[in-house]
Full PDB file with SEQRES, HELIX, SHEET, SSBOND, CRYST1, ORIGX, SCALE, CONECT and MASTER records, all heavy atoms in Angstrom:
SEQRES   1 A   37  HIS PRO LEU ALA TYR HIS ARG ALA ALA PHE ARG GLN ALA          
SEQRES   2 A   37  GLY LEU VAL SER ALA ASP ASP LEU THR ARG LEU PRO ASN          
SEQRES   3 A   37  HIS HIS PHE VAL HIS VAL ALA GLY CYS VAL ILE                  
HELIX    1 AA1 PRO A    2  HIS A    6  5                                   5    
HELIX    2 AA2 ARG A    7  GLN A   12  1                                   6    
HELIX    3 AA3 ASP A   19  ARG A   23  5                                   5    
CRYST1    1.000    1.000    1.000  90.00  90.00  90.00 P 1           1          
ORIGX1      1.000000  0.000000  0.000000        0.00000                         
ORIGX2      0.000000  1.000000  0.000000        0.00000                         
ORIGX3      0.000000  0.000000  1.000000        0.00000                         
SCALE1      1.000000  0.000000  0.000000        0.00000                         
SCALE2      0.000000  1.000000  0.000000        0.00000                         
SCALE3      0.000000  0.000000  1.000000        0.00000                         
ATOM      1  N   HIS A   1     -13.845   3.192   7.281  1.00  0.00           N  
ATOM      2  CA  HIS A   1     -12.944   4.192   7.855  1.00  0.00           C  
ATOM      3  C   HIS A   1     -13.266   5.561   7.238  1.00  0.00           C  
ATOM      4  O   HIS A   1     -13.642   5.639   6.064  1.00  0.00           O  
ATOM      5  CB  HIS A   1     -11.492   3.798   7.536  1.00  0.00           C  
ATOM      6  CG  HIS A   1     -10.478   4.586   8.268  1.00  0.00           C  
ATOM      7  ND1 HIS A   1     -10.091   5.841   7.868  1.00  0.00           N  
ATOM      8  CD2 HIS A   1      -9.765   4.307   9.376  1.00  0.00           C  
ATOM      9  CE1 HIS A   1      -9.172   6.297   8.695  1.00  0.00           C  
ATOM     10  NE2 HIS A   1      -8.953   5.381   9.629  1.00  0.00           N  
ATOM     11  N   PRO A   2     -13.130   6.648   7.993  1.00  0.00           N  
ATOM     12  CA  PRO A   2     -13.441   7.982   7.439  1.00  0.00           C  
ATOM     13  C   PRO A   2     -12.710   8.287   6.132  1.00  0.00           C  
ATOM     14  O   PRO A   2     -13.258   8.961   5.251  1.00  0.00           O  
ATOM     15  CB  PRO A   2     -13.002   8.941   8.547  1.00  0.00           C  
ATOM     16  CG  PRO A   2     -13.075   8.149   9.800  1.00  0.00           C  
ATOM     17  CD  PRO A   2     -12.745   6.732   9.412  1.00  0.00           C  
ATOM     18  N   LEU A   3     -11.486   7.798   5.948  1.00  0.00           N  
ATOM     19  CA  LEU A   3     -10.758   8.088   4.724  1.00  0.00           C  
ATOM     20  C   LEU A   3     -11.287   7.311   3.527  1.00  0.00           C  
ATOM     21  O   LEU A   3     -11.080   7.712   2.390  1.00  0.00           O  
ATOM     22  CB  LEU A   3      -9.264   7.837   4.906  1.00  0.00           C  
ATOM     23  CG  LEU A   3      -8.496   9.060   5.403  1.00  0.00           C  
ATOM     24  CD1 LEU A   3      -8.804   9.375   6.836  1.00  0.00           C  
ATOM     25  CD2 LEU A   3      -7.037   8.917   5.174  1.00  0.00           C  
ATOM     26  N   ALA A   4     -11.977   6.200   3.756  1.00  0.00           N  
ATOM     27  CA  ALA A   4     -12.516   5.396   2.655  1.00  0.00           C  
ATOM     28  C   ALA A   4     -13.467   6.222   1.783  1.00  0.00           C  
ATOM     29  O   ALA A   4     -13.540   6.023   0.573  1.00  0.00           O  
ATOM     30  CB  ALA A   4     -13.234   4.166   3.193  1.00  0.00           C  
ATOM     31  N   TYR A   5     -14.164   7.155   2.406  1.00  0.00           N  
ATOM     32  CA  TYR A   5     -15.122   7.988   1.672  1.00  0.00           C  
ATOM     33  C   TYR A   5     -14.429   8.979   0.738  1.00  0.00           C  
ATOM     34  O   TYR A   5     -15.077   9.581  -0.111  1.00  0.00           O  
ATOM     35  CB  TYR A   5     -16.020   8.747   2.654  1.00  0.00           C  
ATOM     36  CG  TYR A   5     -16.837   7.825   3.526  1.00  0.00           C  
ATOM     37  CD1 TYR A   5     -16.468   7.568   4.841  1.00  0.00           C  
ATOM     38  CD2 TYR A   5     -17.966   7.184   3.024  1.00  0.00           C  
ATOM     39  CE1 TYR A   5     -17.208   6.703   5.645  1.00  0.00           C  
ATOM     40  CE2 TYR A   5     -18.710   6.319   3.813  1.00  0.00           C  
ATOM     41  CZ  TYR A   5     -18.320   6.084   5.129  1.00  0.00           C  
ATOM     42  OH  TYR A   5     -19.052   5.224   5.905  1.00  0.00           O  
ATOM     43  N   HIS A   6     -13.118   9.136   0.883  1.00  0.00           N  
ATOM     44  CA  HIS A   6     -12.369  10.104   0.081  1.00  0.00           C  
ATOM     45  C   HIS A   6     -11.321   9.444  -0.819  1.00  0.00           C  
ATOM     46  O   HIS A   6     -10.581  10.138  -1.506  1.00  0.00           O  
ATOM     47  CB  HIS A   6     -11.663  11.105   1.017  1.00  0.00           C  
ATOM     48  CG  HIS A   6     -12.606  11.818   1.927  1.00  0.00           C  
ATOM     49  ND1 HIS A   6     -13.302  12.943   1.548  1.00  0.00           N  
ATOM     50  CD2 HIS A   6     -12.996  11.540   3.188  1.00  0.00           C  
ATOM     51  CE1 HIS A   6     -14.070  13.334   2.547  1.00  0.00           C  
ATOM     52  NE2 HIS A   6     -13.908  12.492   3.551  1.00  0.00           N  
ATOM     53  N   ARG A   7     -11.243   8.108  -0.806  1.00  0.00           N  
ATOM     54  CA  ARG A   7     -10.161   7.417  -1.516  1.00  0.00           C  
ATOM     55  C   ARG A   7     -10.132   7.737  -3.000  1.00  0.00           C  
ATOM     56  O   ARG A   7      -9.057   7.926  -3.583  1.00  0.00           O  
ATOM     57  CB  ARG A   7     -10.249   5.898  -1.296  1.00  0.00           C  
ATOM     58  CG  ARG A   7      -9.131   5.103  -1.963  1.00  0.00           C  
ATOM     59  CD  ARG A   7      -7.731   5.520  -1.602  1.00  0.00           C  
ATOM     60  NE  ARG A   7      -7.479   5.484  -0.180  1.00  0.00           N  
ATOM     61  CZ  ARG A   7      -6.462   6.113   0.409  1.00  0.00           C  
ATOM     62  NH1 ARG A   7      -5.600   6.815  -0.297  1.00  0.00           N  
ATOM     63  NH2 ARG A   7      -6.301   6.041   1.713  1.00  0.00           N  
ATOM     64  N   ALA A   8     -11.273   7.815  -3.665  1.00  0.00           N  
ATOM     65  CA  ALA A   8     -11.276   8.099  -5.110  1.00  0.00           C  
ATOM     66  C   ALA A   8     -10.634   9.460  -5.381  1.00  0.00           C  
ATOM     67  O   ALA A   8      -9.799   9.592  -6.283  1.00  0.00           O  
ATOM     68  CB  ALA A   8     -12.693   8.045  -5.663  1.00  0.00           C  
ATOM     69  N   ALA A   9     -10.990  10.459  -4.595  1.00  0.00           N  
ATOM     70  CA  ALA A   9     -10.400  11.797  -4.770  1.00  0.00           C  
ATOM     71  C   ALA A   9      -8.912  11.777  -4.430  1.00  0.00           C  
ATOM     72  O   ALA A   9      -8.098  12.428  -5.100  1.00  0.00           O  
ATOM     73  CB  ALA A   9     -11.128  12.824  -3.905  1.00  0.00           C  
ATOM     74  N   PHE A  10      -8.535  11.030  -3.393  1.00  0.00           N  
ATOM     75  CA  PHE A  10      -7.120  10.927  -3.028  1.00  0.00           C  
ATOM     76  C   PHE A  10      -6.327  10.300  -4.170  1.00  0.00           C  
ATOM     77  O   PHE A  10      -5.248  10.771  -4.519  1.00  0.00           O  
ATOM     78  CB  PHE A  10      -6.935  10.076  -1.765  1.00  0.00           C  
ATOM     79  CG  PHE A  10      -7.405  10.724  -0.499  1.00  0.00           C  
ATOM     80  CD1 PHE A  10      -7.651   9.938   0.615  1.00  0.00           C  
ATOM     81  CD2 PHE A  10      -7.599  12.087  -0.391  1.00  0.00           C  
ATOM     82  CE1 PHE A  10      -8.069  10.503   1.815  1.00  0.00           C  
ATOM     83  CE2 PHE A  10      -8.025  12.667   0.794  1.00  0.00           C  
ATOM     84  CZ  PHE A  10      -8.255  11.872   1.898  1.00  0.00           C  
ATOM     85  N   ARG A  11      -6.841   9.218  -4.723  1.00  0.00           N  
ATOM     86  CA  ARG A  11      -6.140   8.556  -5.836  1.00  0.00           C  
ATOM     87  C   ARG A  11      -5.976   9.517  -7.009  1.00  0.00           C  
ATOM     88  O   ARG A  11      -4.913   9.579  -7.616  1.00  0.00           O  
ATOM     89  CB  ARG A  11      -6.905   7.318  -6.294  1.00  0.00           C  
ATOM     90  CG  ARG A  11      -6.835   6.187  -5.311  1.00  0.00           C  
ATOM     91  CD  ARG A  11      -6.211   4.944  -5.925  1.00  0.00           C  
ATOM     92  NE  ARG A  11      -6.231   3.865  -4.963  1.00  0.00           N  
ATOM     93  CZ  ARG A  11      -5.188   3.521  -4.222  1.00  0.00           C  
ATOM     94  NH1 ARG A  11      -4.061   4.162  -4.318  1.00  0.00           N  
ATOM     95  NH2 ARG A  11      -5.274   2.532  -3.372  1.00  0.00           N  
ATOM     96  N   GLN A  12      -7.028  10.245  -7.302  1.00  0.00           N  
ATOM     97  CA  GLN A  12      -6.975  11.204  -8.410  1.00  0.00           C  
ATOM     98  C   GLN A  12      -5.920  12.280  -8.147  1.00  0.00           C  
ATOM     99  O   GLN A  12      -5.275  12.762  -9.066  1.00  0.00           O  
ATOM    100  CB  GLN A  12      -8.348  11.840  -8.618  1.00  0.00           C  
ATOM    101  CG  GLN A  12      -8.470  12.616  -9.897  1.00  0.00           C  
ATOM    102  CD  GLN A  12      -9.909  13.026 -10.167  1.00  0.00           C  
ATOM    103  OE1 GLN A  12     -10.735  13.088  -9.267  1.00  0.00           O  
ATOM    104  NE2 GLN A  12     -10.194  13.322 -11.416  1.00  0.00           N  
ATOM    105  N   ALA A  13      -5.710  12.628  -6.878  1.00  0.00           N  
ATOM    106  CA  ALA A  13      -4.722  13.646  -6.506  1.00  0.00           C  
ATOM    107  C   ALA A  13      -3.317  13.057  -6.335  1.00  0.00           C  
ATOM    108  O   ALA A  13      -2.381  13.779  -5.999  1.00  0.00           O  
ATOM    109  CB  ALA A  13      -5.160  14.337  -5.219  1.00  0.00           C  
ATOM    110  N   GLY A  14      -3.171  11.748  -6.541  1.00  0.00           N  
ATOM    111  CA  GLY A  14      -1.866  11.117  -6.463  1.00  0.00           C  
ATOM    112  C   GLY A  14      -1.472  10.589  -5.095  1.00  0.00           C  
ATOM    113  O   GLY A  14      -0.318  10.215  -4.886  1.00  0.00           O  
ATOM    114  N   LEU A  15      -2.401  10.548  -4.164  1.00  0.00           N  
ATOM    115  CA  LEU A  15      -2.110  10.005  -2.841  1.00  0.00           C  
ATOM    116  C   LEU A  15      -2.253   8.488  -2.861  1.00  0.00           C  
ATOM    117  O   LEU A  15      -3.184   7.960  -3.471  1.00  0.00           O  
ATOM    118  CB  LEU A  15      -3.052  10.588  -1.785  1.00  0.00           C  
ATOM    119  CG  LEU A  15      -2.684  11.972  -1.256  1.00  0.00           C  
ATOM    120  CD1 LEU A  15      -3.065  13.049  -2.250  1.00  0.00           C  
ATOM    121  CD2 LEU A  15      -3.346  12.219   0.068  1.00  0.00           C  
ATOM    122  N   VAL A  16      -1.337   7.819  -2.173  1.00  0.00           N  
ATOM    123  CA  VAL A  16      -1.376   6.365  -2.102  1.00  0.00           C  
ATOM    124  C   VAL A  16      -1.902   5.936  -0.735  1.00  0.00           C  
ATOM    125  O   VAL A  16      -1.886   6.709   0.219  1.00  0.00           O  
ATOM    126  CB  VAL A  16       0.010   5.740  -2.372  1.00  0.00           C  
ATOM    127  CG1 VAL A  16       0.488   6.078  -3.774  1.00  0.00           C  
ATOM    128  CG2 VAL A  16       1.032   6.174  -1.336  1.00  0.00           C  
ATOM    129  N   SER A  17      -2.343   4.698  -0.651  1.00  0.00           N  
ATOM    130  CA  SER A  17      -2.837   4.159   0.615  1.00  0.00           C  
ATOM    131  C   SER A  17      -1.685   3.512   1.380  1.00  0.00           C  
ATOM    132  O   SER A  17      -0.611   3.251   0.825  1.00  0.00           O  
ATOM    133  CB  SER A  17      -3.931   3.120   0.355  1.00  0.00           C  
ATOM    134  OG  SER A  17      -3.373   1.953  -0.218  1.00  0.00           O  
ATOM    135  N   ALA A  18      -1.924   3.208   2.641  1.00  0.00           N  
ATOM    136  CA  ALA A  18      -0.917   2.515   3.451  1.00  0.00           C  
ATOM    137  C   ALA A  18      -0.554   1.169   2.819  1.00  0.00           C  
ATOM    138  O   ALA A  18       0.613   0.780   2.787  1.00  0.00           O  
ATOM    139  CB  ALA A  18      -1.436   2.327   4.878  1.00  0.00           C  
ATOM    140  N   ASP A  19      -1.537   0.474   2.300  1.00  0.00           N  
ATOM    141  CA  ASP A  19      -1.283  -0.817   1.658  1.00  0.00           C  
ATOM    142  C   ASP A  19      -0.412  -0.666   0.410  1.00  0.00           C  
ATOM    143  O   ASP A  19       0.434  -1.505   0.131  1.00  0.00           O  
ATOM    144  CB  ASP A  19      -2.612  -1.498   1.311  1.00  0.00           C  
ATOM    145  CG  ASP A  19      -2.411  -2.873   0.723  1.00  0.00           C  
ATOM    146  OD1 ASP A  19      -1.766  -3.710   1.375  1.00  0.00           O  
ATOM    147  OD2 ASP A  19      -2.884  -3.107  -0.406  1.00  0.00           O  
ATOM    148  N   ASP A  20      -0.602   0.414  -0.344  1.00  0.00           N  
ATOM    149  CA  ASP A  20       0.199   0.646  -1.555  1.00  0.00           C  
ATOM    150  C   ASP A  20       1.691   0.747  -1.237  1.00  0.00           C  
ATOM    151  O   ASP A  20       2.529   0.409  -2.077  1.00  0.00           O  
ATOM    152  CB  ASP A  20      -0.226   1.939  -2.254  1.00  0.00           C  
ATOM    153  CG  ASP A  20      -1.625   1.894  -2.827  1.00  0.00           C  
ATOM    154  OD1 ASP A  20      -2.120   0.793  -3.149  1.00  0.00           O  
ATOM    155  OD2 ASP A  20      -2.237   2.978  -2.956  1.00  0.00           O  
ATOM    156  N   LEU A  21       2.028   1.230  -0.048  1.00  0.00           N  
ATOM    157  CA  LEU A  21       3.433   1.445   0.310  1.00  0.00           C  
ATOM    158  C   LEU A  21       4.245   0.160   0.243  1.00  0.00           C  
ATOM    159  O   LEU A  21       5.447   0.196  -0.039  1.00  0.00           O  
ATOM    160  CB  LEU A  21       3.539   2.048   1.713  1.00  0.00           C  
ATOM    161  CG  LEU A  21       2.878   3.410   1.914  1.00  0.00           C  
ATOM    162  CD1 LEU A  21       2.999   3.845   3.368  1.00  0.00           C  
ATOM    163  CD2 LEU A  21       3.455   4.462   0.981  1.00  0.00           C  
ATOM    164  N   THR A  22       3.600  -0.978   0.468  1.00  0.00           N  
ATOM    165  CA  THR A  22       4.313  -2.253   0.456  1.00  0.00           C  
ATOM    166  C   THR A  22       4.767  -2.648  -0.943  1.00  0.00           C  
ATOM    167  O   THR A  22       5.659  -3.482  -1.085  1.00  0.00           O  
ATOM    168  CB  THR A  22       3.441  -3.387   1.036  1.00  0.00           C  
ATOM    169  OG1 THR A  22       2.287  -3.571   0.197  1.00  0.00           O  
ATOM    170  CG2 THR A  22       3.015  -3.066   2.464  1.00  0.00           C  
ATOM    171  N   ARG A  23       4.171  -2.057  -1.956  1.00  0.00           N  
ATOM    172  CA  ARG A  23       4.487  -2.413  -3.341  1.00  0.00           C  
ATOM    173  C   ARG A  23       5.309  -1.355  -4.067  1.00  0.00           C  
ATOM    174  O   ARG A  23       5.620  -1.518  -5.244  1.00  0.00           O  
ATOM    175  CB  ARG A  23       3.192  -2.679  -4.108  1.00  0.00           C  
ATOM    176  CG  ARG A  23       2.457  -3.918  -3.613  1.00  0.00           C  
ATOM    177  CD  ARG A  23       1.196  -4.204  -4.396  1.00  0.00           C  
ATOM    178  NE  ARG A  23       0.142  -3.230  -4.181  1.00  0.00           N  
ATOM    179  CZ  ARG A  23      -0.660  -3.188  -3.121  1.00  0.00           C  
ATOM    180  NH1 ARG A  23      -0.517  -4.062  -2.165  1.00  0.00           N  
ATOM    181  NH2 ARG A  23      -1.600  -2.281  -3.009  1.00  0.00           N  
ATOM    182  N   LEU A  24       5.647  -0.272  -3.389  1.00  0.00           N  
ATOM    183  CA  LEU A  24       6.421   0.795  -4.019  1.00  0.00           C  
ATOM    184  C   LEU A  24       7.896   0.644  -3.677  1.00  0.00           C  
ATOM    185  O   LEU A  24       8.240   0.169  -2.591  1.00  0.00           O  
ATOM    186  CB  LEU A  24       5.898   2.164  -3.574  1.00  0.00           C  
ATOM    187  CG  LEU A  24       4.471   2.475  -4.034  1.00  0.00           C  
ATOM    188  CD1 LEU A  24       3.957   3.745  -3.369  1.00  0.00           C  
ATOM    189  CD2 LEU A  24       4.417   2.591  -5.548  1.00  0.00           C  
ATOM    190  N   PRO A  25       8.781   1.065  -4.590  1.00  0.00           N  
ATOM    191  CA  PRO A  25      10.212   0.873  -4.352  1.00  0.00           C  
ATOM    192  C   PRO A  25      10.784   1.832  -3.305  1.00  0.00           C  
ATOM    193  O   PRO A  25      10.232   2.907  -3.048  1.00  0.00           O  
ATOM    194  CB  PRO A  25      10.828   1.141  -5.727  1.00  0.00           C  
ATOM    195  CG  PRO A  25       9.859   2.036  -6.416  1.00  0.00           C  
ATOM    196  CD  PRO A  25       8.496   1.649  -5.905  1.00  0.00           C  
ATOM    197  N   ASN A  26      11.903   1.410  -2.729  1.00  0.00           N  
ATOM    198  CA  ASN A  26      12.648   2.234  -1.789  1.00  0.00           C  
ATOM    199  C   ASN A  26      12.972   3.585  -2.437  1.00  0.00           C  
ATOM    200  O   ASN A  26      13.286   3.651  -3.623  1.00  0.00           O  
ATOM    201  CB  ASN A  26      13.935   1.501  -1.401  1.00  0.00           C  
ATOM    202  CG  ASN A  26      14.579   2.064  -0.161  1.00  0.00           C  
ATOM    203  OD1 ASN A  26      13.931   2.676   0.675  1.00  0.00           O  
ATOM    204  ND2 ASN A  26      15.877   1.849  -0.038  1.00  0.00           N  
ATOM    205  N   HIS A  27      12.849   4.654  -1.691  1.00  0.00           N  
ATOM    206  CA  HIS A  27      13.146   6.029  -2.105  1.00  0.00           C  
ATOM    207  C   HIS A  27      12.093   6.637  -3.035  1.00  0.00           C  
ATOM    208  O   HIS A  27      12.262   7.762  -3.487  1.00  0.00           O  
ATOM    209  CB  HIS A  27      14.537   6.152  -2.734  1.00  0.00           C  
ATOM    210  CG  HIS A  27      15.626   5.642  -1.853  1.00  0.00           C  
ATOM    211  ND1 HIS A  27      15.932   6.202  -0.633  1.00  0.00           N  
ATOM    212  CD2 HIS A  27      16.472   4.585  -1.999  1.00  0.00           C  
ATOM    213  CE1 HIS A  27      16.921   5.536  -0.072  1.00  0.00           C  
ATOM    214  NE2 HIS A  27      17.267   4.536  -0.877  1.00  0.00           N  
ATOM    215  N   HIS A  28      11.032   5.911  -3.336  1.00  0.00           N  
ATOM    216  CA  HIS A  28       9.941   6.459  -4.147  1.00  0.00           C  
ATOM    217  C   HIS A  28       9.278   7.593  -3.359  1.00  0.00           C  
ATOM    218  O   HIS A  28       8.965   7.448  -2.180  1.00  0.00           O  
ATOM    219  CB  HIS A  28       8.923   5.354  -4.467  1.00  0.00           C  
ATOM    220  CG  HIS A  28       7.825   5.766  -5.376  1.00  0.00           C  
ATOM    221  ND1 HIS A  28       7.994   5.801  -6.742  1.00  0.00           N  
ATOM    222  CD2 HIS A  28       6.557   6.158  -5.129  1.00  0.00           C  
ATOM    223  CE1 HIS A  28       6.857   6.200  -7.299  1.00  0.00           C  
ATOM    224  NE2 HIS A  28       5.969   6.433  -6.338  1.00  0.00           N  
ATOM    225  N   PHE A  29       9.081   8.746  -3.972  1.00  0.00           N  
ATOM    226  CA  PHE A  29       8.458   9.881  -3.293  1.00  0.00           C  
ATOM    227  C   PHE A  29       6.951   9.643  -3.252  1.00  0.00           C  
ATOM    228  O   PHE A  29       6.336   9.382  -4.285  1.00  0.00           O  
ATOM    229  CB  PHE A  29       8.762  11.189  -4.040  1.00  0.00           C  
ATOM    230  CG  PHE A  29       8.482  12.403  -3.220  1.00  0.00           C  
ATOM    231  CD1 PHE A  29       9.427  12.907  -2.344  1.00  0.00           C  
ATOM    232  CD2 PHE A  29       7.266  13.058  -3.321  1.00  0.00           C  
ATOM    233  CE1 PHE A  29       9.177  14.038  -1.576  1.00  0.00           C  
ATOM    234  CE2 PHE A  29       6.994  14.182  -2.558  1.00  0.00           C  
ATOM    235  CZ  PHE A  29       7.953  14.682  -1.687  1.00  0.00           C  
ATOM    236  N   VAL A  30       6.374   9.692  -2.052  1.00  0.00           N  
ATOM    237  CA  VAL A  30       4.960   9.374  -1.894  1.00  0.00           C  
ATOM    238  C   VAL A  30       4.205  10.496  -1.199  1.00  0.00           C  
ATOM    239  O   VAL A  30       4.785  11.326  -0.492  1.00  0.00           O  
ATOM    240  CB  VAL A  30       4.750   8.062  -1.091  1.00  0.00           C  
ATOM    241  CG1 VAL A  30       5.334   6.874  -1.837  1.00  0.00           C  
ATOM    242  CG2 VAL A  30       5.323   8.155   0.306  1.00  0.00           C  
ATOM    243  N   HIS A  31       2.899  10.487  -1.417  1.00  0.00           N  
ATOM    244  CA  HIS A  31       1.944  11.350  -0.720  1.00  0.00           C  
ATOM    245  C   HIS A  31       0.915  10.414  -0.098  1.00  0.00           C  
ATOM    246  O   HIS A  31       0.330   9.598  -0.807  1.00  0.00           O  
ATOM    247  CB  HIS A  31       1.211  12.277  -1.702  1.00  0.00           C  
ATOM    248  CG  HIS A  31       2.089  13.192  -2.469  1.00  0.00           C  
ATOM    249  ND1 HIS A  31       2.809  12.795  -3.565  1.00  0.00           N  
ATOM    250  CD2 HIS A  31       2.349  14.508  -2.297  1.00  0.00           C  
ATOM    251  CE1 HIS A  31       3.476  13.825  -4.045  1.00  0.00           C  
ATOM    252  NE2 HIS A  31       3.223  14.869  -3.287  1.00  0.00           N  
ATOM    253  N   VAL A  32       0.721  10.527   1.227  1.00  0.00           N  
ATOM    254  CA  VAL A  32      -0.269   9.701   1.916  1.00  0.00           C  
ATOM    255  C   VAL A  32      -1.149  10.581   2.794  1.00  0.00           C  
ATOM    256  O   VAL A  32      -0.730  11.650   3.231  1.00  0.00           O  
ATOM    257  CB  VAL A  32       0.371   8.594   2.787  1.00  0.00           C  
ATOM    258  CG1 VAL A  32       1.147   7.615   1.947  1.00  0.00           C  
ATOM    259  CG2 VAL A  32       1.224   9.173   3.876  1.00  0.00           C  
ATOM    260  N   ALA A  33      -2.350  10.100   3.035  1.00  0.00           N  
ATOM    261  CA  ALA A  33      -3.262  10.775   3.957  1.00  0.00           C  
ATOM    262  C   ALA A  33      -3.641   9.779   5.028  1.00  0.00           C  
ATOM    263  O   ALA A  33      -3.743   8.577   4.771  1.00  0.00           O  
ATOM    264  CB  ALA A  33      -4.514  11.252   3.215  1.00  0.00           C  
ATOM    265  N   GLY A  34      -3.847  10.276   6.242  1.00  0.00           N  
ATOM    266  CA  GLY A  34      -4.246   9.368   7.295  1.00  0.00           C  
ATOM    267  C   GLY A  34      -4.709  10.069   8.545  1.00  0.00           C  
ATOM    268  O   GLY A  34      -4.558  11.278   8.709  1.00  0.00           O  
ATOM    269  N   CYS A  35      -5.267   9.273   9.418  1.00  0.00           N  
ATOM    270  CA  CYS A  35      -5.697   9.702  10.737  1.00  0.00           C  
ATOM    271  C   CYS A  35      -4.536   9.421  11.689  1.00  0.00           C  
ATOM    272  O   CYS A  35      -4.026   8.301  11.719  1.00  0.00           O  
ATOM    273  CB  CYS A  35      -6.924   8.887  11.141  1.00  0.00           C  
ATOM    274  SG  CYS A  35      -7.414   9.100  12.845  1.00  0.00           S  
ATOM    275  N   VAL A  36      -4.110  10.421  12.437  1.00  0.00           N  
ATOM    276  CA  VAL A  36      -2.998  10.231  13.362  1.00  0.00           C  
ATOM    277  C   VAL A  36      -3.500   9.424  14.560  1.00  0.00           C  
ATOM    278  O   VAL A  36      -4.338   9.900  15.321  1.00  0.00           O  
ATOM    279  CB  VAL A  36      -2.418  11.583  13.831  1.00  0.00           C  
ATOM    280  CG1 VAL A  36      -1.263  11.339  14.805  1.00  0.00           C  
ATOM    281  CG2 VAL A  36      -1.964  12.422  12.648  1.00  0.00           C  
ATOM    282  N   ILE A  37      -2.982   8.197  14.683  1.00  0.00           N  
ATOM    283  CA  ILE A  37      -3.399   7.351  15.802  1.00  0.00           C  
ATOM    284  C   ILE A  37      -2.336   7.280  16.888  1.00  0.00           C  
ATOM    285  O   ILE A  37      -2.623   6.859  18.006  1.00  0.00           O  
ATOM    286  CB  ILE A  37      -3.814   5.937  15.345  1.00  0.00           C  
ATOM    287  CG1 ILE A  37      -2.671   5.215  14.665  1.00  0.00           C  
ATOM    288  CG2 ILE A  37      -5.049   6.015  14.454  1.00  0.00           C  
ATOM    289  CD1 ILE A  37      -2.939   3.733  14.418  1.00  0.00           C  
TER     290      ILE A  37                                                      
MASTER        0    0    0    3    0    0    0    6  289    1    0    3          
END                                                                             
């Protein structure tokens, strides 16, 4: 996926992946990047 090439930089900047959202608590403030489908 186009975002896979940027995941290391995203992680370093504090962005989480869609999969990470399943393990984070309710009301946790998140930053995500994605392709609008």
